[in-house]
Amino acid sequence: MRGDKVEVLVDTGNGVRGFEVVATRSGRRVEVTTSRNMIEVAEVTRTGQPVRSARFLAGRVVAIVEYPAADGGPSGRGGDAATG
């Protein structure tokens, strides 16, 4: 969904640096694929074609934080009755 975001924190040797991959259009989503020594974060279309991707060595990744899109769509409204 538009608004999906994944933030990857990577140890660069001089500190930790953050990278973000965001679903920029409607119908796109962000997928995280993990293999033995590589983590790939990709923005993909409805059909599964990758639009952009980022690859990281698994040994350097400190954290992966996923921010799902709001249930109400790109406006950010909806989903949680407790807040409003």
N, C-alpha and C. Protein backbone atom coordinates (compact mmCIF):
# COMPACT_ATOMS: atom_id res chain seq x y z
N MET A 1 0.82 -1.19 0.00
CA MET A 1 0.00 0.00 0.00
C MET A 1 0.86 1.25 0.00
N ARG A 2 0.34 2.27 -0.59
CA ARG A 2 1.05 3.54 -0.56
C ARG A 2 1.22 3.97 0.88
N GLY A 3 2.42 4.35 1.24
CA GLY A 3 2.71 4.75 2.61
C GLY A 3 3.46 3.71 3.40
N ASP A 4 3.53 2.47 2.88
CA ASP A 4 4.36 1.46 3.53
C ASP A 4 5.79 1.95 3.56
N LYS A 5 6.48 1.72 4.67
CA LYS A 5 7.86 2.18 4.79
C LYS A 5 8.65 1.16 5.59
N VAL A 6 9.89 0.90 5.16
CA VAL A 6 10.80 0.05 5.90
C VAL A 6 12.09 0.84 6.11
N GLU A 7 12.53 0.91 7.37
CA GLU A 7 13.77 1.59 7.71
C GLU A 7 14.79 0.54 8.13
N VAL A 8 15.98 0.60 7.55
CA VAL A 8 17.05 -0.35 7.85
C VAL A 8 18.20 0.43 8.48
N LEU A 9 18.63 0.01 9.67
CA LEU A 9 19.77 0.64 10.34
C LEU A 9 20.98 -0.25 10.14
N VAL A 10 22.06 0.34 9.61
CA VAL A 10 23.25 -0.42 9.22
C VAL A 10 24.47 0.14 9.94
N ASP A 11 25.31 -0.76 10.45
CA ASP A 11 26.58 -0.38 11.07
C ASP A 11 27.57 -0.08 9.95
N THR A 12 28.04 1.16 9.88
CA THR A 12 28.97 1.57 8.82
C THR A 12 30.42 1.55 9.27
N GLY A 13 30.68 1.22 10.51
CA GLY A 13 32.04 1.25 11.03
C GLY A 13 32.33 2.52 11.79
N ASN A 14 31.72 3.62 11.37
CA ASN A 14 31.87 4.91 12.05
C ASN A 14 30.61 5.30 12.80
N GLY A 15 29.67 4.39 12.89
CA GLY A 15 28.38 4.67 13.53
C GLY A 15 27.29 3.90 12.83
N VAL A 16 26.07 4.29 13.10
CA VAL A 16 24.92 3.63 12.49
C VAL A 16 24.25 4.60 11.53
N ARG A 17 23.90 4.12 10.33
CA ARG A 17 23.26 4.94 9.33
C ARG A 17 21.91 4.32 8.97
N GLY A 18 20.90 5.15 8.79
CA GLY A 18 19.56 4.66 8.47
C GLY A 18 19.25 4.83 6.99
N PHE A 19 18.57 3.84 6.43
CA PHE A 19 18.12 3.86 5.04
C PHE A 19 16.63 3.56 5.04
N GLU A 20 15.87 4.23 4.16
CA GLU A 20 14.43 4.02 4.07
C GLU A 20 14.03 3.65 2.66
N VAL A 21 13.08 2.71 2.55
CA VAL A 21 12.45 2.37 1.29
C VAL A 21 10.96 2.56 1.52
N VAL A 22 10.33 3.39 0.67
CA VAL A 22 8.94 3.77 0.85
C VAL A 22 8.15 3.42 -0.40
N ALA A 23 6.92 2.91 -0.21
CA ALA A 23 6.00 2.68 -1.33
C ALA A 23 5.43 4.04 -1.73
N THR A 24 5.81 4.52 -2.92
CA THR A 24 5.51 5.89 -3.32
C THR A 24 4.20 6.06 -4.07
N ARG A 25 3.63 4.98 -4.61
CA ARG A 25 2.39 5.10 -5.38
C ARG A 25 1.35 4.11 -4.87
N SER A 26 0.11 4.38 -5.22
CA SER A 26 -0.97 3.47 -4.83
C SER A 26 -0.76 2.11 -5.49
N GLY A 27 -1.04 1.06 -4.74
CA GLY A 27 -0.89 -0.29 -5.27
C GLY A 27 0.49 -0.88 -5.09
N ARG A 28 1.44 -0.10 -4.65
CA ARG A 28 2.78 -0.62 -4.41
C ARG A 28 2.96 -0.95 -2.94
N ARG A 29 3.86 -1.87 -2.68
CA ARG A 29 4.14 -2.27 -1.31
C ARG A 29 5.64 -2.48 -1.15
N VAL A 30 6.07 -2.61 0.08
CA VAL A 30 7.49 -2.83 0.38
C VAL A 30 7.63 -4.24 0.94
N GLU A 31 8.55 -5.01 0.37
CA GLU A 31 8.79 -6.37 0.81
C GLU A 31 10.22 -6.51 1.31
N VAL A 32 10.40 -7.31 2.36
CA VAL A 32 11.72 -7.59 2.91
C VAL A 32 12.01 -9.07 2.69
N THR A 33 13.15 -9.35 2.07
CA THR A 33 13.58 -10.72 1.81
C THR A 33 14.91 -10.95 2.52
N THR A 34 14.97 -12.04 3.29
CA THR A 34 16.18 -12.35 4.03
C THR A 34 16.74 -13.68 3.55
N SER A 35 18.02 -13.68 3.22
CA SER A 35 18.71 -14.93 2.90
C SER A 35 19.83 -15.11 3.91
N ARG A 36 20.72 -16.01 3.66
CA ARG A 36 21.76 -16.34 4.64
C ARG A 36 22.62 -15.12 5.00
N ASN A 37 23.09 -14.38 4.02
CA ASN A 37 23.99 -13.26 4.33
C ASN A 37 23.57 -11.95 3.67
N MET A 38 22.34 -11.88 3.15
CA MET A 38 21.89 -10.68 2.44
C MET A 38 20.45 -10.38 2.83
N ILE A 39 20.16 -9.10 3.02
CA ILE A 39 18.80 -8.63 3.27
C ILE A 39 18.45 -7.69 2.14
N GLU A 40 17.33 -7.94 1.46
CA GLU A 40 16.90 -7.09 0.36
C GLU A 40 15.55 -6.48 0.70
N VAL A 41 15.45 -5.17 0.53
CA VAL A 41 14.21 -4.44 0.74
C VAL A 41 13.83 -3.86 -0.61
N ALA A 42 12.60 -4.19 -1.07
CA ALA A 42 12.20 -3.78 -2.41
C ALA A 42 10.80 -3.19 -2.41
N GLU A 43 10.62 -2.14 -3.21
CA GLU A 43 9.30 -1.61 -3.50
C GLU A 43 8.81 -2.35 -4.74
N VAL A 44 7.65 -3.01 -4.63
CA VAL A 44 7.16 -3.81 -5.75
C VAL A 44 5.76 -3.35 -6.14
N THR A 45 5.41 -3.62 -7.41
CA THR A 45 4.08 -3.29 -7.93
C THR A 45 3.09 -4.37 -7.54
N ARG A 46 1.85 -4.21 -7.96
CA ARG A 46 0.81 -5.21 -7.67
C ARG A 46 1.16 -6.57 -8.25
N THR A 47 1.84 -6.56 -9.39
CA THR A 47 2.19 -7.82 -10.05
C THR A 47 3.47 -8.44 -9.52
N GLY A 48 4.15 -7.76 -8.61
CA GLY A 48 5.36 -8.30 -8.01
C GLY A 48 6.65 -7.87 -8.68
N GLN A 49 6.57 -6.97 -9.64
CA GLN A 49 7.76 -6.47 -10.31
C GLN A 49 8.45 -5.43 -9.41
N PRO A 50 9.75 -5.62 -9.15
CA PRO A 50 10.45 -4.63 -8.31
C PRO A 50 10.65 -3.31 -9.04
N VAL A 51 10.38 -2.21 -8.33
CA VAL A 51 10.57 -0.87 -8.88
C VAL A 51 11.93 -0.34 -8.44
N ARG A 52 12.23 -0.48 -7.16
CA ARG A 52 13.54 -0.12 -6.63
C ARG A 52 13.84 -1.06 -5.48
N SER A 53 15.12 -1.29 -5.25
CA SER A 53 15.49 -2.20 -4.18
C SER A 53 16.79 -1.76 -3.55
N ALA A 54 17.01 -2.26 -2.35
CA ALA A 54 18.25 -1.98 -1.62
C ALA A 54 18.70 -3.29 -1.00
N ARG A 55 20.01 -3.56 -1.06
CA ARG A 55 20.57 -4.79 -0.50
C ARG A 55 21.60 -4.45 0.56
N PHE A 56 21.57 -5.24 1.64
CA PHE A 56 22.46 -5.01 2.77
C PHE A 56 23.05 -6.34 3.22
N LEU A 57 24.31 -6.31 3.66
CA LEU A 57 24.91 -7.50 4.26
C LEU A 57 24.26 -7.74 5.62
N ALA A 58 23.80 -8.95 5.85
CA ALA A 58 23.06 -9.26 7.07
C ALA A 58 23.91 -9.03 8.32
N GLY A 59 25.21 -9.24 8.24
CA GLY A 59 26.09 -9.04 9.38
C GLY A 59 26.23 -7.59 9.79
N ARG A 60 25.92 -6.66 8.90
CA ARG A 60 26.03 -5.22 9.19
C ARG A 60 24.71 -4.59 9.64
N VAL A 61 23.60 -5.30 9.45
CA VAL A 61 22.29 -4.74 9.78
C VAL A 61 22.07 -4.80 11.29
N VAL A 62 21.76 -3.64 11.86
CA VAL A 62 21.50 -3.53 13.29
C VAL A 62 20.01 -3.76 13.56
N ALA A 63 19.14 -3.15 12.75
CA ALA A 63 17.70 -3.28 12.96
C ALA A 63 16.95 -3.04 11.65
N ILE A 64 15.78 -3.68 11.56
CA ILE A 64 14.85 -3.45 10.46
C ILE A 64 13.53 -3.05 11.10
N VAL A 65 13.04 -1.87 10.75
CA VAL A 65 11.80 -1.36 11.32
C VAL A 65 10.79 -1.20 10.20
N GLU A 66 9.64 -1.87 10.32
CA GLU A 66 8.59 -1.79 9.32
C GLU A 66 7.47 -0.89 9.82
N TYR A 67 7.06 0.07 8.98
CA TYR A 67 5.97 0.98 9.29
C TYR A 67 4.86 0.71 8.28
N PRO A 68 3.81 -0.04 8.64
CA PRO A 68 2.73 -0.30 7.69
C PRO A 68 1.92 0.96 7.44
N ALA A 69 1.29 1.01 6.28
CA ALA A 69 0.45 2.15 5.94
C ALA A 69 -0.77 2.16 6.83
N ALA A 70 -1.34 3.35 7.03
CA ALA A 70 -2.55 3.48 7.84
C ALA A 70 -3.70 2.75 7.15
N ASP A 71 -4.62 2.19 7.92
CA ASP A 71 -5.74 1.43 7.36
C ASP A 71 -6.66 2.30 6.52
N GLY A 72 -6.74 3.58 6.84
CA GLY A 72 -7.67 4.47 6.15
C GLY A 72 -7.16 4.98 4.82
N GLY A 73 -5.97 4.63 4.42
CA GLY A 73 -5.43 5.09 3.16
C GLY A 73 -4.33 6.11 3.37
N PRO A 74 -3.95 6.80 2.30
CA PRO A 74 -2.81 7.73 2.39
C PRO A 74 -3.06 8.94 3.25
N SER A 75 -4.33 9.26 3.57
CA SER A 75 -4.60 10.44 4.39
C SER A 75 -4.26 10.21 5.85
N GLY A 76 -4.10 8.92 6.25
CA GLY A 76 -3.73 8.63 7.62
C GLY A 76 -4.91 8.52 8.57
N ARG A 77 -6.14 8.65 8.05
CA ARG A 77 -7.33 8.57 8.88
C ARG A 77 -7.84 7.14 8.92
N GLY A 78 -8.30 6.74 10.09
CA GLY A 78 -9.01 5.47 10.17
C GLY A 78 -8.29 4.43 10.99
N GLY A 79 -9.01 3.33 11.20
CA GLY A 79 -8.42 2.19 11.85
C GLY A 79 -8.56 2.16 13.35
N ASP A 80 -8.10 3.17 14.06
CA ASP A 80 -8.03 3.13 15.51
C ASP A 80 -9.14 3.98 16.12
N ALA A 81 -10.15 3.31 16.70
CA ALA A 81 -11.29 4.03 17.27
C ALA A 81 -10.93 4.74 18.57
N ALA A 82 -9.87 4.28 19.25
CA ALA A 82 -9.49 4.86 20.53
C ALA A 82 -8.95 6.28 20.39
N THR A 83 -8.36 6.60 19.24
CA THR A 83 -7.76 7.93 19.07
C THR A 83 -8.70 8.92 18.41
N GLY A 84 -9.79 8.47 17.88
CA GLY A 84 -10.59 9.50 17.34
C GLY A 84 -11.66 9.10 16.47
